[in-house]
């Protein structure tokens, strides 16, 4: 065996269709495009959603739903996360800056503290919102909350 007698596996290579090369090729004449109509012409491109003149689905179905422009999207942070962060970095105050530096949130996000887990350290926690149970847990552990 050498480089001069290497060949691809039997049946793995197919010849491409040579369209528009005369009637003898079997793909001459209309070149597999049928007769007349936009699809037979050069430069035709179907618009997205076009269904051949039938009313498109996005126009057949009614609009629905409602988007509240006043909605505020919060990033949820659990008490267990605050506890781990405070223990790891030896913190007594956890605000937005500490959460951004730890990589939990980005600067533009709003934060809500949720009550999953527990806090055993006396912490001062700054956030945009707190769940009732989270608020109670932080205060019960001797901490304080600051709503921004």
N, C-alpha and C. Protein backbone atom coordinates (compact mmCIF):
# COMPACT_ATOMS: atom_id res chain seq x y z
N UNK A 1 0.85 -1.19 0.00
CA UNK A 1 0.00 0.00 0.00
C UNK A 1 0.89 1.25 0.00
N UNK A 2 0.55 2.20 -0.86
CA UNK A 2 1.24 3.49 -0.84
C UNK A 2 0.27 4.59 -1.25
N UNK A 3 0.74 5.85 -1.25
CA UNK A 3 -0.15 6.99 -1.51
C UNK A 3 -0.76 6.96 -2.91
N UNK A 4 -0.14 6.28 -3.85
CA UNK A 4 -0.66 6.29 -5.22
C UNK A 4 -1.89 5.39 -5.41
N UNK A 5 -2.13 4.46 -4.49
CA UNK A 5 -3.30 3.60 -4.69
C UNK A 5 -4.36 3.73 -3.59
N UNK A 6 -4.36 4.88 -2.87
CA UNK A 6 -5.41 5.11 -1.86
C UNK A 6 -6.69 5.56 -2.57
N UNK A 7 -7.83 5.03 -2.15
CA UNK A 7 -9.12 5.42 -2.72
C UNK A 7 -10.15 5.52 -1.59
N UNK A 8 -11.17 6.37 -1.76
CA UNK A 8 -12.23 6.41 -0.74
C UNK A 8 -13.02 5.10 -0.75
N UNK A 9 -13.71 4.83 0.34
CA UNK A 9 -14.48 3.60 0.46
C UNK A 9 -15.54 3.52 -0.64
N UNK A 10 -15.86 2.32 -1.06
CA UNK A 10 -16.83 2.08 -2.12
C UNK A 10 -18.19 2.66 -1.73
N UNK A 11 -18.76 3.53 -2.60
CA UNK A 11 -20.09 4.09 -2.35
C UNK A 11 -20.10 5.32 -1.47
N UNK A 12 -18.93 5.76 -0.98
CA UNK A 12 -18.93 6.91 -0.08
C UNK A 12 -18.91 8.24 -0.83
N UNK A 13 -18.53 8.24 -2.10
CA UNK A 13 -18.47 9.46 -2.90
C UNK A 13 -19.54 9.40 -3.99
N UNK A 14 -20.39 10.46 -4.05
CA UNK A 14 -21.41 10.53 -5.09
C UNK A 14 -21.11 11.70 -6.00
N UNK A 15 -21.37 11.56 -7.28
CA UNK A 15 -21.20 12.66 -8.21
C UNK A 15 -22.31 13.68 -7.98
N UNK A 16 -21.96 14.98 -8.10
CA UNK A 16 -23.00 16.00 -7.90
C UNK A 16 -23.88 16.07 -9.13
N UNK A 17 -25.14 16.55 -8.94
CA UNK A 17 -26.08 16.71 -10.03
C UNK A 17 -25.61 17.85 -10.91
N UNK A 18 -25.33 17.60 -12.19
CA UNK A 18 -24.93 18.69 -13.09
C UNK A 18 -26.18 19.19 -13.81
N UNK A 19 -26.76 20.26 -13.24
CA UNK A 19 -28.04 20.78 -13.72
C UNK A 19 -27.83 21.77 -14.86
N UNK A 20 -28.72 21.73 -15.86
CA UNK A 20 -28.69 22.69 -16.96
C UNK A 20 -27.56 22.43 -17.93
N UNK A 21 -27.21 21.17 -18.18
CA UNK A 21 -26.12 20.84 -19.11
C UNK A 21 -26.63 20.05 -20.32
N UNK A 22 -27.84 20.39 -20.76
CA UNK A 22 -28.38 19.75 -21.97
C UNK A 22 -29.34 18.63 -21.67
N UNK A 23 -30.16 18.27 -22.67
CA UNK A 23 -31.21 17.26 -22.48
C UNK A 23 -30.63 15.88 -22.24
N UNK A 24 -29.48 15.60 -22.80
CA UNK A 24 -28.88 14.27 -22.64
C UNK A 24 -28.53 13.95 -21.20
N UNK A 25 -28.32 14.98 -20.38
CA UNK A 25 -27.95 14.75 -18.98
C UNK A 25 -29.14 14.31 -18.14
N UNK A 26 -30.35 14.58 -18.63
CA UNK A 26 -31.55 14.28 -17.85
C UNK A 26 -31.94 15.43 -16.95
N UNK A 27 -31.06 16.45 -16.83
CA UNK A 27 -31.36 17.61 -16.00
C UNK A 27 -31.29 18.88 -16.83
N UNK A 28 -31.60 18.81 -18.12
CA UNK A 28 -31.59 19.99 -18.99
C UNK A 28 -32.97 20.61 -18.97
N UNK A 29 -33.30 21.37 -20.00
CA UNK A 29 -34.64 21.95 -20.13
C UNK A 29 -34.96 22.89 -18.99
N UNK A 30 -35.84 22.47 -18.12
CA UNK A 30 -36.25 23.32 -16.99
C UNK A 30 -35.28 23.21 -15.82
N UNK A 31 -34.30 22.36 -15.93
CA UNK A 31 -33.28 22.21 -14.89
C UNK A 31 -33.87 21.90 -13.52
N UNK A 32 -34.81 20.99 -13.47
CA UNK A 32 -35.47 20.48 -12.25
C UNK A 32 -36.34 21.53 -11.55
N UNK A 33 -36.60 22.68 -12.24
CA UNK A 33 -37.36 23.74 -11.57
C UNK A 33 -38.85 23.73 -11.94
N UNK A 34 -39.30 22.83 -12.79
CA UNK A 34 -40.70 22.83 -13.19
C UNK A 34 -40.95 23.93 -14.20
N UNK A 35 -42.23 24.22 -14.50
CA UNK A 35 -42.57 25.21 -15.52
C UNK A 35 -43.11 26.48 -14.90
N UNK A 36 -42.57 27.62 -15.30
CA UNK A 36 -43.04 28.96 -14.92
C UNK A 36 -43.12 29.18 -13.40
N UNK A 37 -43.65 30.30 -13.01
CA UNK A 37 -43.79 30.62 -11.59
C UNK A 37 -42.50 31.18 -11.01
N UNK A 38 -42.66 31.83 -9.87
CA UNK A 38 -41.52 32.52 -9.25
C UNK A 38 -40.37 31.57 -8.94
N UNK A 39 -40.70 30.34 -8.54
CA UNK A 39 -39.65 29.40 -8.12
C UNK A 39 -38.78 28.93 -9.28
N UNK A 40 -39.24 29.16 -10.51
CA UNK A 40 -38.45 28.74 -11.66
C UNK A 40 -37.48 29.85 -12.10
N UNK A 41 -37.68 31.06 -11.60
CA UNK A 41 -36.90 32.21 -12.04
C UNK A 41 -35.65 32.42 -11.18
N UNK A 42 -34.65 33.05 -11.81
CA UNK A 42 -33.46 33.36 -11.02
C UNK A 42 -33.78 34.54 -10.12
N UNK A 43 -33.10 34.63 -8.98
CA UNK A 43 -33.31 35.76 -8.07
C UNK A 43 -34.47 35.56 -7.12
N UNK A 44 -35.22 34.46 -7.26
CA UNK A 44 -36.34 34.22 -6.35
C UNK A 44 -35.83 33.87 -4.97
N UNK A 45 -36.38 34.54 -3.96
CA UNK A 45 -36.10 34.11 -2.58
C UNK A 45 -37.40 34.24 -1.79
N UNK A 46 -37.79 33.18 -1.17
CA UNK A 46 -39.05 33.14 -0.43
C UNK A 46 -38.89 33.91 0.87
N UNK A 47 -39.85 34.76 1.18
CA UNK A 47 -39.81 35.52 2.43
C UNK A 47 -40.05 34.58 3.60
N UNK A 48 -39.43 34.86 4.76
CA UNK A 48 -39.71 34.02 5.93
C UNK A 48 -41.19 34.07 6.28
N UNK A 49 -41.79 32.94 6.50
CA UNK A 49 -43.21 32.89 6.85
C UNK A 49 -44.15 32.84 5.67
N UNK A 50 -43.62 32.94 4.43
CA UNK A 50 -44.48 32.90 3.24
C UNK A 50 -44.97 31.49 3.01
N UNK A 51 -46.28 31.33 2.78
CA UNK A 51 -46.86 30.01 2.61
C UNK A 51 -47.56 29.88 1.26
N UNK A 52 -46.96 30.44 0.22
CA UNK A 52 -47.50 30.28 -1.13
C UNK A 52 -48.74 31.08 -1.39
N UNK A 53 -48.99 32.12 -0.64
CA UNK A 53 -50.18 32.95 -0.83
C UNK A 53 -51.27 32.62 0.17
N UNK A 54 -51.20 31.42 0.77
CA UNK A 54 -52.13 31.08 1.85
C UNK A 54 -51.84 32.03 3.01
N UNK A 55 -52.88 32.36 3.81
CA UNK A 55 -52.68 33.27 4.94
C UNK A 55 -51.67 32.64 5.91
N UNK A 56 -50.55 33.30 6.17
CA UNK A 56 -49.50 32.70 7.02
C UNK A 56 -49.97 32.47 8.46
N UNK A 57 -49.36 31.51 9.11
CA UNK A 57 -49.80 31.11 10.46
C UNK A 57 -49.71 32.26 11.45
N UNK A 58 -48.68 33.12 11.30
CA UNK A 58 -48.56 34.22 12.26
C UNK A 58 -49.65 35.27 12.07
N UNK A 59 -50.37 35.22 10.93
CA UNK A 59 -51.50 36.12 10.74
C UNK A 59 -52.83 35.43 11.00
N UNK A 60 -52.85 34.09 10.90
CA UNK A 60 -54.10 33.34 11.17
C UNK A 60 -54.39 33.29 12.66
N UNK A 61 -53.33 33.20 13.48
CA UNK A 61 -53.53 33.06 14.91
C UNK A 61 -53.65 34.43 15.57
N UNK A 62 -54.52 34.56 16.57
CA UNK A 62 -54.70 35.87 17.21
C UNK A 62 -53.51 36.22 18.10
N UNK A 63 -53.36 37.52 18.36
CA UNK A 63 -52.35 37.95 19.33
C UNK A 63 -52.85 37.56 20.71
N UNK A 64 -51.92 37.29 21.62
CA UNK A 64 -52.34 36.99 22.98
C UNK A 64 -51.21 37.36 23.93
N UNK A 65 -51.54 37.45 25.21
CA UNK A 65 -50.54 37.70 26.23
C UNK A 65 -50.43 39.17 26.57
N UNK A 66 -49.58 39.43 27.55
CA UNK A 66 -49.43 40.77 28.07
C UNK A 66 -48.04 40.88 28.63
N UNK A 67 -47.35 41.95 28.32
CA UNK A 67 -46.00 42.18 28.83
C UNK A 67 -46.05 43.39 29.74
N UNK A 68 -45.85 43.17 31.02
CA UNK A 68 -45.91 44.25 31.99
C UNK A 68 -44.62 45.06 31.92
N UNK A 69 -44.73 46.32 31.51
CA UNK A 69 -43.53 47.14 31.35
C UNK A 69 -42.95 47.58 32.69
N UNK A 70 -43.72 47.42 33.76
CA UNK A 70 -43.25 47.81 35.09
C UNK A 70 -42.64 46.66 35.88
N UNK A 71 -42.56 45.47 35.26
CA UNK A 71 -42.05 44.29 35.97
C UNK A 71 -40.59 44.49 36.37
N UNK A 72 -40.27 44.09 37.58
CA UNK A 72 -38.89 44.13 38.06
C UNK A 72 -38.40 42.70 38.22
N UNK A 73 -37.32 42.38 37.56
CA UNK A 73 -36.76 41.03 37.59
C UNK A 73 -35.67 40.99 38.66
N UNK A 74 -35.83 40.12 39.67
CA UNK A 74 -34.86 40.02 40.75
C UNK A 74 -33.97 38.80 40.56
N UNK A 75 -32.73 38.90 40.97
CA UNK A 75 -31.83 37.75 41.03
C UNK A 75 -31.97 37.20 42.45
N UNK A 76 -32.35 35.94 42.57
CA UNK A 76 -32.59 35.33 43.89
C UNK A 76 -31.28 34.86 44.51
N UNK A 77 -31.04 35.26 45.75
CA UNK A 77 -29.88 34.80 46.51
C UNK A 77 -30.41 34.20 47.81
N UNK A 78 -29.99 32.97 48.11
CA UNK A 78 -30.48 32.28 49.31
C UNK A 78 -29.63 32.61 50.54
N UNK A 79 -30.23 32.38 51.71
CA UNK A 79 -29.50 32.61 52.97
C UNK A 79 -28.27 31.72 53.07
N UNK A 80 -28.38 30.48 52.55
CA UNK A 80 -27.25 29.55 52.61
C UNK A 80 -26.05 30.12 51.83
N UNK A 81 -26.33 30.82 50.73
CA UNK A 81 -25.28 31.45 49.93
C UNK A 81 -24.61 32.58 50.72
N UNK A 82 -25.44 33.38 51.40
CA UNK A 82 -24.90 34.47 52.23
C UNK A 82 -24.02 33.91 53.35
N UNK A 83 -24.47 32.84 53.97
CA UNK A 83 -23.72 32.20 55.07
C UNK A 83 -22.35 31.72 54.57
N UNK A 84 -22.35 31.03 53.43
CA UNK A 84 -21.08 30.53 52.86
C UNK A 84 -20.14 31.67 52.50
N UNK A 85 -20.70 32.74 51.90
CA UNK A 85 -19.89 33.89 51.50
C UNK A 85 -19.29 34.58 52.73
N UNK A 86 -20.09 34.74 53.78
CA UNK A 86 -19.62 35.39 55.00
C UNK A 86 -18.52 34.57 55.67
N UNK A 87 -18.69 33.24 55.69
CA UNK A 87 -17.67 32.37 56.30
C UNK A 87 -16.38 32.36 55.48
N UNK A 88 -16.52 32.28 54.15
CA UNK A 88 -15.35 32.19 53.28
C UNK A 88 -14.51 33.48 53.31
N UNK A 89 -15.18 34.64 53.31
CA UNK A 89 -14.46 35.92 53.23
C UNK A 89 -14.40 36.65 54.56
N UNK A 90 -14.96 36.04 55.61
CA UNK A 90 -14.94 36.61 56.96
C UNK A 90 -15.59 38.00 56.98
N UNK A 91 -16.85 38.05 56.49
CA UNK A 91 -17.57 39.31 56.37
C UNK A 91 -18.63 39.46 57.46
N UNK A 92 -18.92 40.73 57.83
CA UNK A 92 -20.04 41.00 58.73
C UNK A 92 -21.12 41.80 58.00
N UNK A 93 -20.73 42.39 56.86
CA UNK A 93 -21.68 43.16 56.05
C UNK A 93 -21.64 42.62 54.62
N UNK A 94 -22.83 42.25 54.11
CA UNK A 94 -22.91 41.78 52.73
C UNK A 94 -23.85 42.71 51.97
N UNK A 95 -23.27 43.42 51.00
CA UNK A 95 -24.04 44.34 50.15
C UNK A 95 -23.90 43.92 48.70
N UNK A 96 -24.34 44.81 47.83
CA UNK A 96 -24.28 44.51 46.40
C UNK A 96 -22.84 44.37 45.91
N UNK A 97 -21.94 45.21 46.43
CA UNK A 97 -20.53 45.15 46.01
C UNK A 97 -19.92 43.77 46.28
N UNK A 98 -20.19 43.23 47.46
CA UNK A 98 -19.65 41.92 47.83
C UNK A 98 -20.20 40.82 46.92
N UNK A 99 -21.49 40.92 46.60
CA UNK A 99 -22.12 39.93 45.73
C UNK A 99 -21.58 40.02 44.29
N UNK A 100 -21.31 41.26 43.84
CA UNK A 100 -20.74 41.45 42.50
C UNK A 100 -19.33 40.88 42.44
N UNK A 101 -18.51 41.18 43.48
CA UNK A 101 -17.13 40.68 43.52
C UNK A 101 -17.08 39.16 43.60
N UNK A 102 -18.07 38.56 44.29
CA UNK A 102 -18.12 37.10 44.41
C UNK A 102 -18.64 36.45 43.13
N UNK A 103 -19.21 37.26 42.21
CA UNK A 103 -19.69 36.74 40.93
C UNK A 103 -21.11 36.23 40.95
N UNK A 104 -21.87 36.55 41.99
CA UNK A 104 -23.25 36.08 42.07
C UNK A 104 -24.19 36.93 41.22
N UNK A 105 -23.88 38.22 41.07
CA UNK A 105 -24.75 39.12 40.30
C UNK A 105 -23.89 40.02 39.42
N UNK A 106 -24.55 40.67 38.46
CA UNK A 106 -23.88 41.72 37.69
C UNK A 106 -24.34 43.06 38.26
N UNK A 107 -23.67 44.12 37.89
CA UNK A 107 -23.93 45.44 38.47
C UNK A 107 -25.34 45.94 38.21
N UNK A 108 -25.96 45.51 37.11
CA UNK A 108 -27.28 46.02 36.75
C UNK A 108 -28.43 45.23 37.38
N UNK A 109 -28.14 44.09 38.00
CA UNK A 109 -29.22 43.23 38.51
C UNK A 109 -29.74 43.70 39.87
N UNK A 110 -31.02 43.45 40.11
CA UNK A 110 -31.63 43.69 41.40
C UNK A 110 -31.62 42.39 42.18
N UNK A 111 -31.50 42.46 43.50
CA UNK A 111 -31.31 41.28 44.33
C UNK A 111 -32.47 41.10 45.30
N UNK A 112 -32.93 39.85 45.40
CA UNK A 112 -33.91 39.51 46.43
C UNK A 112 -33.34 38.36 47.25
N UNK A 113 -33.38 38.50 48.56
CA UNK A 113 -32.86 37.47 49.46
C UNK A 113 -34.01 36.53 49.82
N UNK A 114 -33.78 35.23 49.59
CA UNK A 114 -34.78 34.21 49.89
C UNK A 114 -34.33 33.36 51.07
N UNK A 115 -35.27 32.63 51.68
CA UNK A 115 -35.02 31.99 52.97
C UNK A 115 -34.51 30.56 52.92
N UNK A 116 -34.03 30.06 51.78
CA UNK A 116 -33.52 28.69 51.73
C UNK A 116 -32.19 28.64 52.48
N UNK A 117 -32.07 27.74 53.42
CA UNK A 117 -30.87 27.66 54.24
C UNK A 117 -31.06 28.47 55.51
N UNK A 118 -29.95 28.74 56.20
CA UNK A 118 -30.04 29.49 57.46
C UNK A 118 -28.80 30.35 57.64
N UNK A 119 -28.98 31.42 58.42
CA UNK A 119 -27.85 32.29 58.76
C UNK A 119 -27.63 32.18 60.25
N UNK A 120 -26.40 31.89 60.65
CA UNK A 120 -26.09 31.77 62.09
C UNK A 120 -25.18 32.90 62.56
N UNK A 121 -24.68 33.70 61.61
CA UNK A 121 -23.77 34.79 61.92
C UNK A 121 -24.54 36.10 62.00
N UNK A 122 -24.05 37.03 62.82
CA UNK A 122 -24.62 38.37 62.91
C UNK A 122 -24.21 39.13 61.65
N UNK A 123 -25.14 39.32 60.71
CA UNK A 123 -24.84 39.93 59.42
C UNK A 123 -25.67 41.17 59.17
N UNK A 124 -25.07 42.16 58.50
CA UNK A 124 -25.84 43.28 57.96
C UNK A 124 -25.96 43.03 56.46
N UNK A 125 -27.20 42.84 56.00
CA UNK A 125 -27.43 42.46 54.60
C UNK A 125 -28.14 43.59 53.86
N UNK A 126 -27.56 43.98 52.73
CA UNK A 126 -28.15 45.00 51.86
C UNK A 126 -28.70 44.33 50.61
N UNK A 127 -29.97 44.61 50.27
CA UNK A 127 -30.55 44.08 49.04
C UNK A 127 -31.77 44.92 48.67
N UNK A 128 -32.27 44.68 47.48
CA UNK A 128 -33.43 45.44 47.00
C UNK A 128 -34.73 44.90 47.61
N UNK A 129 -34.77 43.58 47.90
CA UNK A 129 -35.99 42.99 48.46
C UNK A 129 -35.62 41.76 49.29
N UNK A 130 -36.50 41.43 50.24
CA UNK A 130 -36.32 40.27 51.12
C UNK A 130 -37.65 39.53 51.21
N UNK A 131 -37.59 38.21 51.27
CA UNK A 131 -38.81 37.47 51.60
C UNK A 131 -39.03 37.60 53.11
N UNK A 132 -40.28 37.41 53.56
CA UNK A 132 -40.58 37.58 54.99
C UNK A 132 -39.76 36.64 55.86
N UNK A 133 -39.67 35.36 55.43
CA UNK A 133 -38.92 34.38 56.23
C UNK A 133 -37.43 34.71 56.27
N UNK A 134 -36.89 35.20 55.16
CA UNK A 134 -35.47 35.56 55.13
C UNK A 134 -35.21 36.73 56.08
N UNK A 135 -36.11 37.70 56.05
CA UNK A 135 -36.01 38.86 56.94
C UNK A 135 -36.01 38.41 58.40
N UNK A 136 -36.97 37.52 58.73
CA UNK A 136 -37.07 37.01 60.10
C UNK A 136 -35.82 36.25 60.52
N UNK A 137 -35.28 35.43 59.61
CA UNK A 137 -34.10 34.62 59.92
C UNK A 137 -32.87 35.49 60.19
N UNK A 138 -32.68 36.52 59.39
CA UNK A 138 -31.52 37.40 59.57
C UNK A 138 -31.62 38.15 60.90
N UNK A 139 -32.82 38.67 61.19
CA UNK A 139 -33.03 39.41 62.46
C UNK A 139 -32.91 38.48 63.66
N UNK A 140 -33.42 37.24 63.53
CA UNK A 140 -33.34 36.26 64.63
C UNK A 140 -31.89 35.90 64.94
N UNK A 141 -31.01 35.94 63.93
CA UNK A 141 -29.60 35.62 64.14
C UNK A 141 -28.82 36.83 64.67
N UNK A 142 -29.54 37.95 64.91
CA UNK A 142 -28.88 39.14 65.45
C UNK A 142 -28.40 40.11 64.38
N UNK A 143 -28.79 39.88 63.14
CA UNK A 143 -28.35 40.73 62.04
C UNK A 143 -29.33 41.85 61.76
N UNK A 144 -28.98 42.67 60.77
CA UNK A 144 -29.86 43.75 60.34
C UNK A 144 -30.03 43.68 58.84
N UNK A 145 -31.16 44.25 58.36
CA UNK A 145 -31.40 44.29 56.92
C UNK A 145 -31.49 45.72 56.46
N UNK A 146 -31.02 45.98 55.26
CA UNK A 146 -31.11 47.32 54.65
C UNK A 146 -31.72 47.16 53.28
N UNK A 147 -32.92 47.75 53.09
CA UNK A 147 -33.56 47.70 51.78
C UNK A 147 -33.10 48.89 50.96
N UNK A 148 -32.64 48.61 49.75
CA UNK A 148 -32.15 49.68 48.87
C UNK A 148 -33.27 50.27 48.04
